[in-house]
C-alpha atoms as a PDB file:
ATOM      1  CA  ILE A   1      26.716 107.980 146.708  1.00  0.00           C
ATOM      2  CA  LEU A   2      26.760 103.922 147.312  1.00  0.00           C
ATOM      3  CA  SER A   3      25.543 101.895 149.484  1.00  0.00           C
ATOM      4  CA  ILE A   4      25.197  97.936 149.861  1.00  0.00           C
ATOM      5  CA  THR A   5      23.016  96.096 152.011  1.00  0.00           C
ATOM      6  CA  VAL A   6      23.329  92.538 152.853  1.00  0.00           C
ATOM      7  CA  THR A   7      19.984  90.989 153.944  1.00  0.00           C
ATOM      8  CA  GLU A   8      18.266  87.801 155.222  1.00  0.00           C
ATOM      9  CA  SER A   9      17.213  85.628 152.037  1.00  0.00           C
ATOM     10  CA  GLY A  10      13.511  86.340 151.876  1.00  0.00           C
ATOM     11  CA  GLY A  11      10.841  87.111 149.112  1.00  0.00           C
ATOM     12  CA  LEU A  12      10.187  86.285 146.194  1.00  0.00           C
ATOM     13  CA  PHE A  13      13.865  86.105 144.336  1.00  0.00           C
ATOM     14  CA  GLY A  14      15.501  85.773 148.052  1.00  0.00           C
ATOM     15  CA  ASP A  15      16.349  89.709 147.927  1.00  0.00           C
ATOM     16  CA  ALA A  16      13.820  90.907 150.608  1.00  0.00           C
ATOM     17  CA  GLY A  17      14.939  89.608 153.563  1.00  0.00           C
ATOM     18  CA  LYS A  18      15.734  91.107 156.955  1.00  0.00           C
ATOM     19  CA  PRO A  19      19.271  93.679 156.482  1.00  0.00           C
ATOM     20  CA  ILE A  20      22.148  92.091 158.409  1.00  0.00           C
ATOM     21  CA  ALA A  21      24.986  94.193 157.075  1.00  0.00           C
ATOM     22  CA  ALA A  22      25.672  97.435 155.491  1.00  0.00           C
ATOM     23  CA  ILE A  23      28.413  99.631 153.699  1.00  0.00           C
ATOM     24  CA  VAL A  24      28.022 103.121 153.311  1.00  0.00           C
ATOM     25  CA  TYR A  25      29.728 105.654 150.934  1.00  0.00           C
ATOM     26  CA  GLY A  26      29.300 109.276 150.814  1.00  0.00           C
ATOM     27  CA  MET A  27      30.854 113.046 150.365  1.00  0.00           C
ATOM     28  CA  PRO A  28      33.040 113.384 153.464  1.00  0.00           C
ATOM     29  CA  ALA A  29      32.117 115.971 155.980  1.00  0.00           C
ATOM     30  CA  ALA A  30      35.864 117.938 156.076  1.00  0.00           C
ATOM     31  CA  THR A  31      36.639 119.135 153.165  1.00  0.00           C
ATOM     32  CA  TRP A  32      39.433 118.079 150.996  1.00  0.00           C
ATOM     33  CA  ARG A  33      41.796 119.965 148.200  1.00  0.00           C
ATOM     34  CA  GLU A  34      40.739 116.908 145.811  1.00  0.00           C
ATOM     35  CA  GLU A  35      37.598 114.822 145.473  1.00  0.00           C
ATOM     36  CA  VAL A  36      37.379 111.631 147.647  1.00  0.00           C
ATOM     37  CA  LEU A  37      35.064 109.399 148.605  1.00  0.00           C
ATOM     38  CA  GLU A  38      34.186 108.547 152.074  1.00  0.00           C
ATOM     39  CA  LEU A  39      33.417 104.852 153.793  1.00  0.00           C
ATOM     40  CA  ALA A  40      31.235 106.462 156.550  1.00  0.00           C
ATOM     41  CA  ARG A  41      29.465 103.479 157.633  1.00  0.00           C
ATOM     42  CA  LEU A  42      30.286  99.716 157.647  1.00  0.00           C
ATOM     43  CA  VAL A  43      27.713  97.622 160.281  1.00  0.00           C
ATOM     44  CA  ARG A  44      26.251  94.386 160.681  1.00  0.00           C
ATOM     45  CA  THR A  45      23.922  92.925 163.498  1.00  0.00           C
ATOM     46  CA  ASP A  46      25.473  91.018 166.588  1.00  0.00           C
ATOM     47  CA  ASP A  47      24.288  87.781 165.154  1.00  0.00           C
ATOM     48  CA  THR A  48      25.415  87.570 161.978  1.00  0.00           C
ATOM     49  CA  ASP A  49      29.068  86.093 160.953  1.00  0.00           C
ATOM     50  CA  ILE A  50      29.470  88.059 157.607  1.00  0.00           C
ATOM     51  CA  GLU A  51      32.891  89.178 157.393  1.00  0.00           C
ATOM     52  CA  LEU A  52      32.968  92.823 156.657  1.00  0.00           C
ATOM     53  CA  THR A  53      36.157  92.750 154.552  1.00  0.00           C
ATOM     54  CA  ARG A  54      34.326  90.757 152.446  1.00  0.00           C
ATOM     55  CA  LEU A  55      31.865  93.131 151.879  1.00  0.00           C
ATOM     56  CA  ILE A  56      34.331  96.227 151.560  1.00  0.00           C
ATOM     57  CA  SER A  57      36.464  93.708 149.027  1.00  0.00           C
ATOM     58  CA  TYR A  58      32.996  93.927 147.150  1.00  0.00           C
ATOM     59  CA  SER A  59      32.017  97.725 147.287  1.00  0.00           C
ATOM     60  CA  LEU A  60      35.414  98.403 146.129  1.00  0.00           C
ATOM     61  CA  ALA A  61      35.145  96.019 142.991  1.00  0.00           C
ATOM     62  CA  VAL A  62      31.302  97.931 142.806  1.00  0.00           C
ATOM     63  CA  LEU A  63      33.520 101.733 143.111  1.00  0.00           C
ATOM     64  CA  LYS A  64      36.479 100.291 140.532  1.00  0.00           C
ATOM     65  CA  GLN A  65      33.296  99.105 137.849  1.00  0.00           C
ATOM     66  CA  GLN A  66      32.077 102.952 138.179  1.00  0.00           C
ATOM     67  CA  GLU A  67      35.371 104.368 137.401  1.00  0.00           C
ATOM     68  CA  ARG A  68      34.128 107.809 139.150  1.00  0.00           C
ATOM     69  CA  TYR A  69      36.152 107.781 142.024  1.00  0.00           C
ATOM     70  CA  ASP A  70      39.859 107.090 142.494  1.00  0.00           C
ATOM     71  CA  LEU A  71      40.459 107.992 146.162  1.00  0.00           C
ATOM     72  CA  LEU A  72      39.080 106.444 149.243  1.00  0.00           C
ATOM     73  CA  ILE A  73      39.339 107.575 152.688  1.00  0.00           C
ATOM     74  CA  SER A  74      37.574 106.477 156.053  1.00  0.00           C
ATOM     75  CA  TYR A  75      38.367 107.161 159.878  1.00  0.00           C
ATOM     76  CA  ALA A  76      38.350 104.921 162.559  1.00  0.00           C
ATOM     77  CA  ASP A  77      37.088 107.256 165.527  1.00  0.00           C
ATOM     78  CA  LYS A  78      39.288 106.494 169.003  1.00  0.00           C
ATOM     79  CA  THR A  79      36.280 108.175 170.855  1.00  0.00           C
ATOM     80  CA  HIS A  80      34.092 104.910 170.569  1.00  0.00           C
ATOM     81  CA  ARG A  81      37.491 102.972 171.280  1.00  0.00           C
ATOM     82  CA  HIS A  82      38.130 102.038 167.521  1.00  0.00           C
ATOM     83  CA  HIS A  83      41.553 101.792 166.188  1.00  0.00           C
ATOM     84  CA  GLY A  84      41.065 101.112 162.226  1.00  0.00           C
ATOM     85  CA  GLY A  85      41.320  96.810 162.696  1.00  0.00           C
ATOM     86  CA  ILE A  86      39.008  96.432 159.584  1.00  0.00           C
ATOM     87  CA  TYR A  87      40.608  98.744 157.614  1.00  0.00           C
ATOM     88  CA  GLN A  88      43.887  97.297 158.279  1.00  0.00           C
ATOM     89  CA  ALA A  89      42.275  93.859 157.635  1.00  0.00           C
ATOM     90  CA  ALA A  90      41.281  95.123 153.655  1.00  0.00           C
ATOM     91  CA  SER A  91      44.627  96.419 153.375  1.00  0.00           C
ATOM     92  CA  TRP A  92      44.555 100.077 153.605  1.00  0.00           C
ATOM     93  CA  ASN A  93      47.262 102.491 154.370  1.00  0.00           C
ATOM     94  CA  TYR A  94      47.188 104.383 157.516  1.00  0.00           C
ATOM     95  CA  SER A  95      48.039 108.105 157.524  1.00  0.00           C
ATOM     96  CA  GLY A  96      48.215 108.670 161.067  1.00  0.00           C
ATOM     97  CA  PHE A  97      45.965 110.547 163.471  1.00  0.00           C
ATOM     98  CA  VAL A  98      44.278 113.441 162.998  1.00  0.00           C
ATOM     99  CA  ASN A  99      43.543 115.766 165.590  1.00  0.00           C
ATOM    100  CA  ALA A 100      41.037 115.557 168.778  1.00  0.00           C
ATOM    101  CA  TYR A 101      38.003 118.231 168.179  1.00  0.00           C
ATOM    102  CA  LYS A 102      36.410 120.042 170.582  1.00  0.00           C
ATOM    103  CA  GLY A 103      31.959 120.498 169.931  1.00  0.00           C
ATOM    104  CA  ASN A 104      28.518 120.242 170.609  1.00  0.00           C
ATOM    105  CA  PHE A 105      27.427 116.455 171.696  1.00  0.00           C
ATOM    106  CA  VAL A 106      24.576 115.106 173.518  1.00  0.00           C
ATOM    107  CA  LYS A 107      24.720 112.871 175.840  1.00  0.00           C
ATOM    108  CA  ILE A 108      22.010 110.193 175.992  1.00  0.00           C
ATOM    109  CA  GLY A 109      22.493 107.564 178.856  1.00  0.00           C
ATOM    110  CA  ASP A 110      26.255 106.205 177.804  1.00  0.00           C
ATOM    111  CA  ASP A 111      26.382 107.297 174.628  1.00  0.00           C
ATOM    112  CA  VAL A 112      27.633 110.378 173.587  1.00  0.00           C
ATOM    113  CA  ILE A 113      26.171 111.852 169.781  1.00  0.00           C
ATOM    114  CA  HIS A 114      27.436 114.522 167.919  1.00  0.00           C
ATOM    115  CA  THR A 115      24.501 116.963 167.180  1.00  0.00           C
ATOM    116  CA  ARG A 116      25.260 116.724 163.589  1.00  0.00           C
ATOM    117  CA  THR A 117      24.300 113.235 164.116  1.00  0.00           C
ATOM    118  CA  ILE A 118      21.152 114.411 166.136  1.00  0.00           C
ATOM    119  CA  SER A 119      19.954 116.657 163.612  1.00  0.00           C
ATOM    120  CA  SER A 120      20.897 114.430 160.281  1.00  0.00           C
ATOM    121  CA  ALA A 121      18.199 111.770 162.232  1.00  0.00           C
ATOM    122  CA  LEU A 122      15.760 114.181 164.030  1.00  0.00           C
ATOM    123  CA  GLY A 123      16.014 117.039 161.478  1.00  0.00           C
ATOM    124  CA  THR A 124      16.877 119.679 163.507  1.00  0.00           C
ATOM    125  CA  ARG A 125      19.138 120.279 166.808  1.00  0.00           C
ATOM    126  CA  SER A 126      16.441 122.189 168.903  1.00  0.00           C
ATOM    127  CA  MET A 127      16.781 120.688 172.322  1.00  0.00           C
ATOM    128  CA  GLY A 128      12.774 120.686 172.899  1.00  0.00           C
ATOM    129  CA  VAL A 129      12.555 118.078 169.923  1.00  0.00           C
ATOM    130  CA  ILE A 130      15.728 115.535 171.159  1.00  0.00           C
ATOM    131  CA  ARG A 131      13.732 116.281 174.565  1.00  0.00           C
ATOM    132  CA  GLU A 132      10.863 114.567 173.077  1.00  0.00           C
ATOM    133  CA  HIS A 133      12.399 111.484 172.089  1.00  0.00           C
ATOM    134  CA  PHE A 134      15.093 111.234 174.664  1.00  0.00           C
ATOM    135  CA  SER A 135      14.047 111.564 178.407  1.00  0.00           C
ATOM    136  CA  ASP A 136      17.920 111.011 179.426  1.00  0.00           C
ATOM    137  CA  PHE A 137      19.704 113.275 177.982  1.00  0.00           C
ATOM    138  CA  GLU A 138      22.520 115.912 178.387  1.00  0.00           C
ATOM    139  CA  VAL A 139      24.121 118.837 176.483  1.00  0.00           C
ATOM    140  CA  ASP A 140      28.085 119.186 176.860  1.00  0.00           C
ATOM    141  CA  ASP A 141      31.207 120.359 175.222  1.00  0.00           C
ATOM    142  CA  VAL A 142      32.882 117.300 174.934  1.00  0.00           C
ATOM    143  CA  THR A 143      36.235 116.772 172.657  1.00  0.00           C
ATOM    144  CA  GLU A 144      36.481 114.020 171.010  1.00  0.00           C
ATOM    145  CA  LYS A 145      40.132 111.963 171.678  1.00  0.00           C
ATOM    146  CA  GLY A 146      40.422 112.143 167.573  1.00  0.00           C
ATOM    147  CA  LYS A 147      40.496 109.816 164.868  1.00  0.00           C
ATOM    148  CA  TYR A 148      43.036 107.809 163.049  1.00  0.00           C
ATOM    149  CA  LEU A 149      42.642 108.212 159.015  1.00  0.00           C
ATOM    150  CA  TYR A 150      42.916 105.237 156.685  1.00  0.00           C
ATOM    151  CA  TRP A 151      42.823 105.744 152.823  1.00  0.00           C
ATOM    152  CA  LYS A 152      42.269 102.912 149.754  1.00  0.00           C
ATOM    153  CA  PRO A 153      43.302 104.434 145.969  1.00  0.00           C
ATOM    154  CA  LEU A 154      40.936 102.670 143.366  1.00  0.00           C
ATOM    155  CA  ASN A 155      43.713 102.793 141.042  1.00  0.00           C
ATOM    156  CA  ARG A 156      46.752 104.518 139.851  1.00  0.00           C
ATOM    157  CA  LYS A 157      44.916 108.137 139.747  1.00  0.00           C
ATOM    158  CA  GLY A 158      44.039 107.040 143.367  1.00  0.00           C
ATOM    159  CA  THR A 159      47.496 107.057 144.273  1.00  0.00           C
ATOM    160  CA  GLN A 160      48.788 109.931 142.789  1.00  0.00           C
ATOM    161  CA  LYS A 161      45.855 112.043 144.418  1.00  0.00           C
ATOM    162  CA  ALA A 162      46.867 110.594 147.764  1.00  0.00           C
ATOM    163  CA  ARG A 163      50.775 111.668 147.195  1.00  0.00           C
ATOM    164  CA  ARG A 164      49.356 115.174 146.215  1.00  0.00           C
ATOM    165  CA  LEU A 165      47.099 115.592 149.454  1.00  0.00           C
ATOM    166  CA  GLY A 166      50.066 114.636 151.336  1.00  0.00           C
ATOM    167  CA  LEU A 167      48.377 111.296 152.608  1.00  0.00           C
ATOM    168  CA  GLU A 168      51.174 108.993 154.101  1.00  0.00           C
ATOM    169  CA  ARG A 169      51.748 104.867 154.327  1.00  0.00           C
ATOM    170  CA  LEU A 170      52.663 104.968 158.248  1.00  0.00           C
ATOM    171  CA  PRO A 171      52.790 101.512 160.204  1.00  0.00           C
ATOM    172  CA  TYR A 172      49.538 100.843 162.008  1.00  0.00           C
ATOM    173  CA  PRO A 173      48.564 101.829 164.968  1.00  0.00           C
ATOM    174  CA  LYS A 174      48.002  98.753 167.562  1.00  0.00           C
ATOM    175  CA  VAL A 175      44.727  98.407 169.598  1.00  0.00           C
ATOM    176  CA  ASP A 176      46.989  98.681 173.250  1.00  0.00           C
ATOM    177  CA  ARG A 177      47.517 102.169 172.134  1.00  0.00           C
ATOM    178  CA  VAL A 178      43.457 103.225 171.672  1.00  0.00           C
ATOM    179  CA  ASN A 179      42.964 103.250 174.916  1.00  0.00           C
END
């Protein structure tokens, strides 16, 4: 729905350089009673000093100008040792912990990847295709540790929608509770 990429300068107009940070919003995988938009990916290269909170702030301004969405959500995945510090720094609201989930995951080296991600990347969940791309993998039922749910209203309607959806404003989780 919306993606913003920050690049190094390059090209004739300085806009065709190597990507160094990106933010992606899309429709959430989970079903909500009302329309929400999910901040699905927020990344930067290891060798850049771009402040991700500034990228979030810029993206919020773009979304507000579009006047299409009222409420944003995002998750910090405890399985990957995230607690949502970036959302805390960007003044998002914390609504609580979403229960753990048991599902099919592929373990490639030390990385545990959900089969939906594999399917999205390779176009299939076929073990034969996965085997062609990755030599060191195994399939396992893994229980995720759960996710921290954050939300941000873009306007008054977003605040009202959050209230109707039962989203709370709780104290932020601390890093020491993540491990």
